[in-house]
Amino acid sequence: MAAASTTKISWRLQEFEAHSSSVSCLAVGKSSGRLMATGGEDCRVNIWAVSKANCIMSLTGHKNPVECVQFNMSEEQVVAGSQSGSIRVWDLEAAKILRTLMGHKSNITSLGFHPFGDFLASSSMDTNIKLWDVRRKGYVFRYKGHTQAVRSLAFSPDGKWLASASDDCTVKLWDLTQGKTITEFKSHTAAVNIVQFHPNEYLLASGSSDRYHTCVSLWDLEKFTVIGSLEGDTSPVRCILFSPDGSCLYSGATDSLRVFGWEPDRCFDVVPVGWGKVSDLAVCNQQLIGVSHQLSSVSSYVVDLKRVRKSGGSVIQGIIQDNQPLTEPKDPKGSALRKNYERPTTTCSSQRRSPSEDEAEEKLSSAEIHNAEDFKEIFQPKNVISRTPPKISEPFPAPPEDGESIAALCPLSQTCNSKTSSRFMSAGPVSSTKPQPKIIPSTRNEPIGLNVADFLPVTLSEEEALSQIKKGHDTMCVMLSSRHKNLETIRAVWAREDMKSALDSAVSMNDLSIVVDILNIINLQTLWKLDNCTTILPQIDKLLQSKYESYMQTGCTSLKLIMKHFWMLISDTLMAAPSVGVDISREERHQKCRACCKQLKNLSNIVKNKAEQVGRHGSTFKELQLLMAPLDDSL
């Protein structure tokens, strides 16, 4: 059944407390429009999924407030700059620090990753711009020329140029390889806040607040001349973004979005949005995502671009009023007015690097996983070929009209409000001869432990209602306290002895929740050793047959890693010819491999049975079944 239509053009998606102190900066991943990073005066960088108020990961290490944050193109890395001038780069998939970069003498004001290589640019209140190779400690180039703080940086799509916007009212274009200025644009009469390259053409946009009005200037990068001056209201231009096809320019100012065209200069639409001082924009699924911050809270907003005019409009400065669409060229893609960028045929993907030489400094930096499930879903997808956050994601649903019920807009409200629920729906009808076991999903769309019938009829006193709500609360507190105490014990054993001893202690507690907590850490940090396998494989047997989906997920992930890292070693050891003489270490290894092989064969039978299920769980176990196929041919 199709959802009822809505006429809303813009709406607030969420608002939440992002840091323990004031938020100083934030950025949205441009590739997906679904990932957000915030930096705060608490010296932390927090990673969020847009539309979710639970922090996925908190990155520590900066000793001063974080002033600037930015994702790389693939959203696998994030860089943050602090008030002291230090810069830190984190690998989000590996959940670890990659590099600490020192060189600026003052606040970091802007950061940007190169579109292809392992390079990033930084600017500072010290007026300098530096180009860094993340694989090295020092900077590659320093670009000097601005007389006041640099506020924005942008790489050209072909990676050859760097544009910078400054408080000195200028925009400079730099040649990266020669390390010198190509040209300087001076038409702005106030500080330039933002600069952005067109995705295809040799065109550059810059935004400022010039005297009594906002101003977005457009520059031809072949002739190095201004081709348009797009004026708005009196609030500063805080962020600009070309549409993905380059047909128009979105300009974010205080509580409004403007859609501009050029040649001739035109304002296609003005959309009121209550986002205050918007900080960043991204486009995904015909929706524009805008984010802003105030004190310690962060808000995200959605603009439905299908309802925004991106053609027609009125020529700016009131010369002509013309609401008819512009004449479209017969072949718009092949008739660009100016030269297009030539991109390399191959791109340089980010590589895993060896441990940093700044080990003493970087030991102070860490990535604290706050939401393991979202972390695994976004940064460690099962299918490594398909990057997440997904390139194809569902648009955010519009809220109901005033006076209209949510049910009217979305009859299947649970599937509408959460993508997660759709993942657990069967791909086809369930066989009547083989019912699937009841699985408790790891995420839910309804409260657990409350029975609506307990509150009906509505004649309960406030005291009675509170009693129903608190039912079982004390028991849950006791269980959580016990779990916390057990985890502290495991942590002490791990620190005092080693991981193997900690695992043995966890297993001896006879509490699967403790085993799951420890395994999640081992899986995320890839700390597996053959010694651990003999201890954990019997526990994986229990996890795979658990009724809790989160336990099954942890068991599957652990089994995949064991097969990936150790099956060849186990197989080769068991098939190797007997050694001459006495080799105690070899005999011990042979014994461990034989025990692991036996346990893996038992698990293989469980996986085969589970793979016959219908739906997502069955698919997961089918993947495991393929991975464990070599066991059928083993000794």
Foldseek 3Di string as FASTA:
>chain_A
DAFDDDDDQKDWLDKEFADPWFWQAKEAQFLASFKMWTWFQVQKIWIDGPSDHFTQKIKHQGPGGWHEKDAANLNQKMKIWGQQGKIWIDGLLLFATQAIEHDDRGGWQEKYDQNFAQWIWTWGQVQKIFIDRSQDHYTDAIAHDDPGGWHYWDAQLQRQWIWIFFQVQKIWIAGVVVRYTPDIDRPAQGGWHYKDAQNWFQKIWTWFQGDQWIWIWMARNVVRHTQAIATDGRFTFQDKDADPVRQWIWTDTAQKIWIWGPPPTFTFDIGGHNQGGWHYWYDAPQKIKTKDTDIRMIIIMIGRNVSGGNFAGQGPPPPGGTRDGDDADPDNVPDDPHHTDDHDPDGHDDDDHDDDPVVVSRVRIGMGGRDLVVSCVQSPNPPVVQHPPGSDDDDQDDQDDVPDDPCSRPVPVQVNVDVVVVQFDFPDDFDPVDDDDAADEPDDDDDPQADPVLCPPVPDDPVSVVCSVCVCVVVVVVVVVVLVVLLVVLVVCCVVPHNLRSLVSQVVVVDLVSVLVSLSVCLSNVVDDLSVLLSCLVSLVVQCPDRYVSSNVSSLSVLLSCLVPPVVVLQCLQPDDDDPDDDPVSVVVPVSSVSNLVSLVVVLVVLVVQLPGTGNSVVSSVVVNVSSVVSVVGD
